[in-house]
Amino acid sequence: MQHDASTREGFTYQVQPAYATAGWTLHWTAPAADGRMRLSVVARKSSGWLAVGFTGASQGMVGSTALVGFAEGDVGWYALTAKNVAGVLRLPLEPAEAPNRRRMLGADGRSVQVVDGTTLTLTLTLTLTL
């Protein structure tokens, strides 16, 4: 998938997949020397949720961890243990602290906001441990 220069200040790259029916865009920075990078998902919607998922050895949804931000302002980490609502479990800890997690990350900052009543934005500053 080809990426472009980001249109958001503070981000380097962006991608807006052709299949993105909700009109969403992923913005990110290249990892810095200390491993920190920023991700932001922007969608043209004023309610609901946005998420960024991270997979390890599972290579798919089940076994992954996702950061989910809701339009009401709540942001949290979730374990994806099955392909149904019952399998989406809120984590009480940051993923880096969760037991039996290998390639994980720590989030230094996270936020979700609705701008002008039309754009839901989930932003995450994280540290990758690859």
N, C-alpha and C. Protein backbone atom coordinates (compact mmCIF):
# COMPACT_ATOMS: atom_id res chain seq x y z
N MET A 1 0.84 -1.17 0.00
CA MET A 1 0.00 0.00 0.00
C MET A 1 0.89 1.24 0.00
N GLN A 2 0.63 2.15 -0.89
CA GLN A 2 1.42 3.35 -1.02
C GLN A 2 0.97 4.41 -0.03
N HIS A 3 1.92 5.15 0.52
CA HIS A 3 1.59 6.22 1.45
C HIS A 3 2.01 7.57 0.87
N ASP A 4 1.45 8.62 1.45
CA ASP A 4 1.73 9.99 1.04
C ASP A 4 2.26 10.78 2.22
N ALA A 5 2.69 12.00 1.97
CA ALA A 5 3.07 12.90 3.05
C ALA A 5 1.80 13.26 3.83
N SER A 6 1.92 13.32 5.15
CA SER A 6 0.76 13.60 5.99
C SER A 6 0.27 15.04 5.84
N THR A 7 -1.03 15.21 5.91
CA THR A 7 -1.64 16.54 5.89
C THR A 7 -1.84 17.08 7.30
N ARG A 8 -1.53 16.25 8.33
CA ARG A 8 -1.67 16.68 9.72
C ARG A 8 -0.33 17.15 10.26
N GLU A 9 -0.34 18.26 10.96
CA GLU A 9 0.88 18.78 11.57
C GLU A 9 1.40 17.79 12.61
N GLY A 10 2.71 17.57 12.63
CA GLY A 10 3.32 16.67 13.59
C GLY A 10 3.39 15.22 13.14
N PHE A 11 2.93 14.93 11.93
CA PHE A 11 2.97 13.57 11.39
C PHE A 11 3.73 13.59 10.07
N THR A 12 4.34 12.47 9.73
CA THR A 12 5.17 12.40 8.53
C THR A 12 4.43 11.79 7.35
N TYR A 13 3.73 10.69 7.58
CA TYR A 13 3.11 9.94 6.49
C TYR A 13 1.61 9.75 6.75
N GLN A 14 0.90 9.39 5.68
CA GLN A 14 -0.51 9.05 5.81
C GLN A 14 -0.89 8.05 4.73
N VAL A 15 -1.94 7.31 5.02
CA VAL A 15 -2.52 6.42 4.02
C VAL A 15 -4.03 6.45 4.19
N GLN A 16 -4.71 6.49 3.07
CA GLN A 16 -6.17 6.45 3.05
C GLN A 16 -6.56 5.35 2.07
N PRO A 17 -6.74 4.14 2.58
CA PRO A 17 -7.02 3.01 1.70
C PRO A 17 -8.29 3.21 0.88
N ALA A 18 -8.27 2.70 -0.35
CA ALA A 18 -9.43 2.81 -1.24
C ALA A 18 -10.65 2.12 -0.64
N TYR A 19 -10.42 1.08 0.17
CA TYR A 19 -11.53 0.33 0.77
C TYR A 19 -12.05 0.99 2.05
N ALA A 20 -11.51 2.12 2.43
CA ALA A 20 -11.90 2.80 3.67
C ALA A 20 -13.26 3.47 3.48
N THR A 21 -14.32 2.70 3.62
CA THR A 21 -15.67 3.18 3.34
C THR A 21 -16.12 4.30 4.27
N ALA A 22 -15.60 4.35 5.49
CA ALA A 22 -15.99 5.41 6.42
C ALA A 22 -15.15 6.66 6.23
N GLY A 23 -14.28 6.66 5.21
CA GLY A 23 -13.45 7.83 4.95
C GLY A 23 -12.40 8.06 6.01
N TRP A 24 -11.67 7.01 6.41
CA TRP A 24 -10.68 7.17 7.46
C TRP A 24 -9.28 7.28 6.87
N THR A 25 -8.40 7.92 7.64
CA THR A 25 -7.00 8.10 7.25
C THR A 25 -6.12 7.77 8.45
N LEU A 26 -5.04 7.04 8.20
CA LEU A 26 -4.04 6.73 9.22
C LEU A 26 -2.83 7.62 8.98
N HIS A 27 -2.43 8.37 10.02
CA HIS A 27 -1.24 9.22 9.98
C HIS A 27 -0.21 8.64 10.95
N TRP A 28 1.10 8.75 10.63
CA TRP A 28 2.11 8.25 11.55
C TRP A 28 3.44 8.95 11.32
N THR A 29 4.30 8.83 12.32
CA THR A 29 5.68 9.31 12.21
C THR A 29 6.58 8.10 12.15
N ALA A 30 7.76 8.27 11.59
CA ALA A 30 8.76 7.20 11.63
C ALA A 30 9.26 7.09 13.07
N PRO A 31 9.59 5.87 13.52
CA PRO A 31 10.11 5.74 14.89
C PRO A 31 11.37 6.56 15.10
N ALA A 32 11.43 7.25 16.22
CA ALA A 32 12.62 8.01 16.60
C ALA A 32 13.68 7.05 17.14
N ALA A 33 14.85 7.56 17.43
CA ALA A 33 15.94 6.72 17.93
C ALA A 33 15.57 6.01 19.23
N ASP A 34 14.70 6.62 20.05
CA ASP A 34 14.30 6.00 21.31
C ASP A 34 13.12 5.03 21.14
N GLY A 35 12.68 4.82 19.90
CA GLY A 35 11.59 3.88 19.64
C GLY A 35 10.21 4.50 19.67
N ARG A 36 10.10 5.78 19.98
CA ARG A 36 8.78 6.42 20.06
C ARG A 36 8.29 6.80 18.67
N MET A 37 6.99 6.65 18.50
CA MET A 37 6.35 7.12 17.28
C MET A 37 4.93 7.52 17.61
N ARG A 38 4.29 8.24 16.71
CA ARG A 38 2.90 8.66 16.92
C ARG A 38 2.04 8.11 15.80
N LEU A 39 0.84 7.71 16.17
CA LEU A 39 -0.17 7.25 15.22
C LEU A 39 -1.42 8.07 15.45
N SER A 40 -2.14 8.33 14.39
CA SER A 40 -3.42 9.00 14.51
C SER A 40 -4.35 8.45 13.45
N VAL A 41 -5.57 8.10 13.86
CA VAL A 41 -6.60 7.66 12.94
C VAL A 41 -7.67 8.74 12.92
N VAL A 42 -8.03 9.22 11.74
CA VAL A 42 -9.02 10.27 11.59
C VAL A 42 -10.14 9.74 10.70
N ALA A 43 -11.37 9.89 11.14
CA ALA A 43 -12.52 9.45 10.35
C ALA A 43 -13.58 10.54 10.31
N ARG A 44 -14.29 10.59 9.20
CA ARG A 44 -15.38 11.55 9.05
C ARG A 44 -16.64 10.95 9.67
N LYS A 45 -16.72 11.04 10.98
CA LYS A 45 -17.89 10.58 11.72
C LYS A 45 -17.92 11.29 13.05
N SER A 46 -19.07 11.42 13.65
CA SER A 46 -19.17 12.17 14.90
C SER A 46 -19.57 11.30 16.09
N SER A 47 -19.76 10.02 15.86
CA SER A 47 -20.12 9.12 16.96
C SER A 47 -19.50 7.76 16.71
N GLY A 48 -19.60 6.90 17.71
CA GLY A 48 -19.06 5.55 17.56
C GLY A 48 -17.66 5.43 18.11
N TRP A 49 -16.80 4.73 17.37
CA TRP A 49 -15.46 4.44 17.87
C TRP A 49 -14.47 4.33 16.72
N LEU A 50 -13.19 4.46 17.07
CA LEU A 50 -12.07 4.22 16.16
C LEU A 50 -11.09 3.33 16.91
N ALA A 51 -10.34 2.51 16.17
CA ALA A 51 -9.38 1.62 16.82
C ALA A 51 -8.14 1.45 15.96
N VAL A 52 -7.03 1.16 16.64
CA VAL A 52 -5.78 0.77 16.00
C VAL A 52 -5.39 -0.55 16.63
N GLY A 53 -5.20 -1.58 15.82
CA GLY A 53 -4.87 -2.90 16.34
C GLY A 53 -3.42 -3.27 16.06
N PHE A 54 -2.86 -4.06 16.96
CA PHE A 54 -1.48 -4.52 16.86
C PHE A 54 -1.47 -6.03 17.00
N THR A 55 -0.87 -6.69 16.04
CA THR A 55 -0.81 -8.14 16.09
C THR A 55 0.63 -8.58 16.29
N GLY A 56 0.80 -9.69 16.96
CA GLY A 56 2.13 -10.24 17.17
C GLY A 56 2.29 -11.48 16.33
N ALA A 57 2.53 -12.58 16.96
CA ALA A 57 2.75 -13.84 16.27
C ALA A 57 1.46 -14.40 15.67
N SER A 58 0.31 -13.89 16.11
CA SER A 58 -0.97 -14.46 15.67
C SER A 58 -1.26 -14.21 14.20
N GLN A 59 -0.72 -13.13 13.63
CA GLN A 59 -0.93 -12.78 12.22
C GLN A 59 -2.39 -12.52 11.87
N GLY A 60 -3.23 -12.25 12.83
CA GLY A 60 -4.63 -11.97 12.56
C GLY A 60 -5.29 -11.30 13.73
N MET A 61 -6.60 -11.14 13.65
CA MET A 61 -7.36 -10.44 14.68
C MET A 61 -7.27 -11.15 16.03
N VAL A 62 -7.55 -12.43 16.07
CA VAL A 62 -7.53 -13.18 17.34
C VAL A 62 -6.09 -13.23 17.85
N GLY A 63 -5.92 -12.82 19.09
CA GLY A 63 -4.59 -12.76 19.69
C GLY A 63 -3.96 -11.38 19.63
N SER A 64 -4.64 -10.45 18.99
CA SER A 64 -4.13 -9.09 18.86
C SER A 64 -4.59 -8.22 20.03
N THR A 65 -4.02 -7.02 20.09
CA THR A 65 -4.40 -6.02 21.07
C THR A 65 -4.78 -4.76 20.31
N ALA A 66 -5.81 -4.06 20.75
CA ALA A 66 -6.25 -2.85 20.06
C ALA A 66 -6.44 -1.71 21.05
N LEU A 67 -6.11 -0.52 20.61
CA LEU A 67 -6.44 0.69 21.33
C LEU A 67 -7.73 1.21 20.72
N VAL A 68 -8.77 1.33 21.52
CA VAL A 68 -10.08 1.76 21.03
C VAL A 68 -10.45 3.07 21.69
N GLY A 69 -10.82 4.04 20.89
CA GLY A 69 -11.27 5.33 21.38
C GLY A 69 -12.72 5.55 20.99
N PHE A 70 -13.54 5.90 21.96
CA PHE A 70 -14.96 6.14 21.74
C PHE A 70 -15.22 7.64 21.67
N ALA A 71 -16.19 8.05 20.86
CA ALA A 71 -16.50 9.47 20.67
C ALA A 71 -16.81 10.17 21.99
N GLU A 72 -17.30 9.43 22.98
CA GLU A 72 -17.63 10.02 24.27
C GLU A 72 -16.38 10.37 25.08
N GLY A 73 -15.20 9.94 24.61
CA GLY A 73 -13.95 10.33 25.26
C GLY A 73 -13.18 9.21 25.92
N ASP A 74 -13.76 8.04 26.09
CA ASP A 74 -13.05 6.93 26.73
C ASP A 74 -12.09 6.29 25.74
N VAL A 75 -10.87 6.00 26.20
CA VAL A 75 -9.86 5.34 25.39
C VAL A 75 -9.27 4.22 26.22
N GLY A 76 -9.18 3.02 25.66
CA GLY A 76 -8.61 1.91 26.42
C GLY A 76 -8.05 0.82 25.53
N TRP A 77 -7.26 -0.04 26.15
CA TRP A 77 -6.67 -1.19 25.47
C TRP A 77 -7.58 -2.40 25.61
N TYR A 78 -7.69 -3.18 24.54
CA TYR A 78 -8.55 -4.35 24.51
C TYR A 78 -7.80 -5.54 23.94
N ALA A 79 -8.03 -6.71 24.52
CA ALA A 79 -7.52 -7.97 23.98
C ALA A 79 -8.58 -8.53 23.05
N LEU A 80 -8.18 -8.92 21.85
CA LEU A 80 -9.11 -9.50 20.88
C LEU A 80 -8.93 -11.02 20.92
N THR A 81 -9.83 -11.69 21.63
CA THR A 81 -9.68 -13.13 21.87
C THR A 81 -10.58 -13.98 20.99
N ALA A 82 -11.52 -13.36 20.27
CA ALA A 82 -12.41 -14.09 19.37
C ALA A 82 -12.98 -13.08 18.37
N LYS A 83 -13.59 -13.58 17.31
CA LYS A 83 -14.16 -12.71 16.28
C LYS A 83 -15.63 -12.41 16.57
N ASN A 84 -15.90 -11.99 17.81
CA ASN A 84 -17.25 -11.58 18.20
C ASN A 84 -17.14 -10.60 19.37
N VAL A 85 -18.22 -9.94 19.69
CA VAL A 85 -18.21 -8.92 20.74
C VAL A 85 -17.76 -9.49 22.08
N ALA A 86 -18.17 -10.72 22.40
CA ALA A 86 -17.78 -11.34 23.67
C ALA A 86 -16.27 -11.55 23.78
N GLY A 87 -15.59 -11.60 22.64
CA GLY A 87 -14.15 -11.82 22.63
C GLY A 87 -13.33 -10.55 22.64
N VAL A 88 -13.95 -9.39 22.82
CA VAL A 88 -13.24 -8.11 22.91
C VAL A 88 -13.23 -7.72 24.38
N LEU A 89 -12.08 -7.89 25.03
CA LEU A 89 -11.99 -7.75 26.49
C LEU A 89 -11.13 -6.55 26.87
N ARG A 90 -11.68 -5.67 27.69
CA ARG A 90 -10.92 -4.51 28.17
C ARG A 90 -9.78 -4.99 29.05
N LEU A 91 -8.58 -4.48 28.79
CA LEU A 91 -7.41 -4.83 29.59
C LEU A 91 -7.30 -3.88 30.78
N PRO A 92 -7.05 -4.42 31.97
CA PRO A 92 -6.90 -3.56 33.13
C PRO A 92 -5.53 -2.88 33.17
N LEU A 93 -4.60 -3.35 32.35
CA LEU A 93 -3.23 -2.85 32.34
C LEU A 93 -2.87 -2.39 30.94
N GLU A 94 -1.79 -1.62 30.86
CA GLU A 94 -1.24 -1.31 29.55
C GLU A 94 -0.72 -2.63 28.96
N PRO A 95 -0.77 -2.80 27.64
CA PRO A 95 -0.35 -4.07 27.03
C PRO A 95 1.07 -4.49 27.39
N ALA A 96 1.97 -3.53 27.57
CA ALA A 96 3.35 -3.87 27.91
C ALA A 96 3.43 -4.56 29.27
N GLU A 97 2.43 -4.33 30.14
CA GLU A 97 2.42 -4.91 31.47
C GLU A 97 1.60 -6.20 31.54
N ALA A 98 0.83 -6.48 30.50
CA ALA A 98 -0.03 -7.65 30.51
C ALA A 98 0.80 -8.93 30.44
N PRO A 99 0.39 -9.97 31.16
CA PRO A 99 1.15 -11.20 31.15
C PRO A 99 1.11 -11.89 29.79
N ASN A 100 2.16 -12.65 29.50
CA ASN A 100 2.26 -13.46 28.28
C ASN A 100 2.18 -12.65 26.99
N ARG A 101 2.61 -11.42 27.03
CA ARG A 101 2.66 -10.59 25.82
C ARG A 101 4.12 -10.51 25.39
N ARG A 102 4.39 -10.80 24.14
CA ARG A 102 5.75 -10.72 23.65
C ARG A 102 6.00 -9.35 23.04
N ARG A 103 5.83 -9.20 21.78
CA ARG A 103 6.12 -7.96 21.06
C ARG A 103 5.01 -6.96 21.34
N MET A 104 5.18 -6.14 22.36
CA MET A 104 4.12 -5.20 22.73
C MET A 104 4.65 -3.78 22.78
N LEU A 105 3.85 -2.87 23.26
CA LEU A 105 4.19 -1.47 23.25
C LEU A 105 3.64 -0.80 24.49
N GLY A 106 4.18 0.34 24.77
CA GLY A 106 3.68 1.16 25.87
C GLY A 106 3.16 2.47 25.31
N ALA A 107 2.03 2.91 25.78
CA ALA A 107 1.45 4.16 25.30
C ALA A 107 1.76 5.27 26.29
N ASP A 108 2.43 6.30 25.82
CA ASP A 108 2.74 7.45 26.66
C ASP A 108 1.60 8.44 26.69
N GLY A 109 0.86 8.52 25.61
CA GLY A 109 -0.25 9.45 25.54
C GLY A 109 -1.29 8.94 24.58
N ARG A 110 -2.54 9.16 24.90
CA ARG A 110 -3.60 8.74 24.00
C ARG A 110 -4.78 9.67 24.21
N SER A 111 -5.49 9.94 23.13
CA SER A 111 -6.64 10.82 23.23
C SER A 111 -7.60 10.52 22.10
N VAL A 112 -8.84 10.87 22.33
CA VAL A 112 -9.86 10.79 21.28
C VAL A 112 -10.67 12.08 21.38
N GLN A 113 -11.03 12.63 20.24
CA GLN A 113 -11.81 13.86 20.26
C GLN A 113 -12.68 13.96 19.02
N VAL A 114 -13.78 14.68 19.15
CA VAL A 114 -14.64 14.99 18.02
C VAL A 114 -14.43 16.47 17.71
N VAL A 115 -14.05 16.74 16.46
CA VAL A 115 -13.76 18.11 16.04
C VAL A 115 -14.90 18.60 15.14
N ASP A 116 -15.44 19.74 15.44
CA ASP A 116 -16.51 20.36 14.64
C ASP A 116 -17.73 19.45 14.47
N GLY A 117 -17.91 18.48 15.35
CA GLY A 117 -19.06 17.60 15.28
C GLY A 117 -19.06 16.63 14.11
N THR A 118 -17.96 16.60 13.35
CA THR A 118 -17.95 15.75 12.15
C THR A 118 -16.75 14.82 12.03
N THR A 119 -15.69 15.05 12.76
CA THR A 119 -14.46 14.29 12.59
C THR A 119 -14.00 13.70 13.90
N LEU A 120 -13.96 12.38 13.98
CA LEU A 120 -13.49 11.67 15.17
C LEU A 120 -12.02 11.35 14.97
N THR A 121 -11.17 11.73 15.92
CA THR A 121 -9.73 11.55 15.81
C THR A 121 -9.20 10.80 17.02
N LEU A 122 -8.51 9.69 16.79
CA LEU A 122 -7.85 8.92 17.82
C LEU A 122 -6.35 9.10 17.63
N THR A 123 -5.66 9.59 18.65
CA THR A 123 -4.22 9.83 18.54
C THR A 123 -3.51 9.05 19.64
N LEU A 124 -2.39 8.45 19.27
CA LEU A 124 -1.63 7.61 20.19
C LEU A 124 -0.15 7.92 20.03
N THR A 125 0.51 8.16 21.16
CA THR A 125 1.97 8.24 21.16
C THR A 125 2.45 6.98 21.85
N LEU A 126 3.30 6.22 21.16
CA LEU A 126 3.69 4.93 21.72
C LEU A 126 5.16 4.66 21.57
N THR A 127 5.62 3.68 22.31
CA THR A 127 6.98 3.22 22.21
C THR A 127 6.95 1.77 21.77
N LEU A 128 7.58 1.47 20.67
CA LEU A 128 7.63 0.11 20.16
C LEU A 128 8.79 -0.65 20.76
N THR A 129 8.56 -1.89 21.12
CA THR A 129 9.65 -2.76 21.55
C THR A 129 9.66 -3.93 20.58
N LEU A 130 10.47 -3.78 19.54
CA LEU A 130 10.51 -4.78 18.48
C LEU A 130 11.58 -5.82 18.74
